[in-house]
Amino acid sequence: MDECVVSSDPRHIDRDLVWRFLHNEAYWAAGVPREVMERAFDGSICFSAFDRDPDQDGKQIGFARVVTDRATFAWLCDVFVLKEHRGSGVAKRLMDAVMAHPDLKGLRNVLLATRDAHALYAGYGFTPLAEPQRWMSIRRPYRG
């Protein structure tokens, strides 16, 4: 998609569209209230993909969010492309923008979780955890 434009300007996020997708279609965001997602957007670097320049009435067609300290660590999450735009390079454009962002270059640890997009992320250097025995997590269902 040659006309795809990616912006990390938070003013460009179509929050209603992103919320609807995450709430209705994203397995990973099930049960997360809108006010929690709003705080997540505000505390992250968000990338929005558009079918053309967002300042020229472009429509948002994809999204990615990065939680980061901007020094040593980042977690890539909430990545999606609207169904009608999949397969046209939008996800690659989003990932190109994420990987090129000056606050994310050279971070020591960048993590993500995916069920079905391993090939996309492998193309950007992501691999399974090298030492999974060293990593631990707390995973809780969202309770509000």
Foldseek 3Di string as FASTA:
>chain_A
DVQKDKDQPLVLDPLVVLCCCLDPPNPVNDPPDSVNVVVQSVQWRKMWIFSHDSVVVTDTFWIWTWHDPLAAEIEIDSTDGHPVCPPVCRSVVRVVCQQPDNSRDPHNYYYYDDDPPVVSVVVVPDDPDPCVVVDDDDDDDDDD
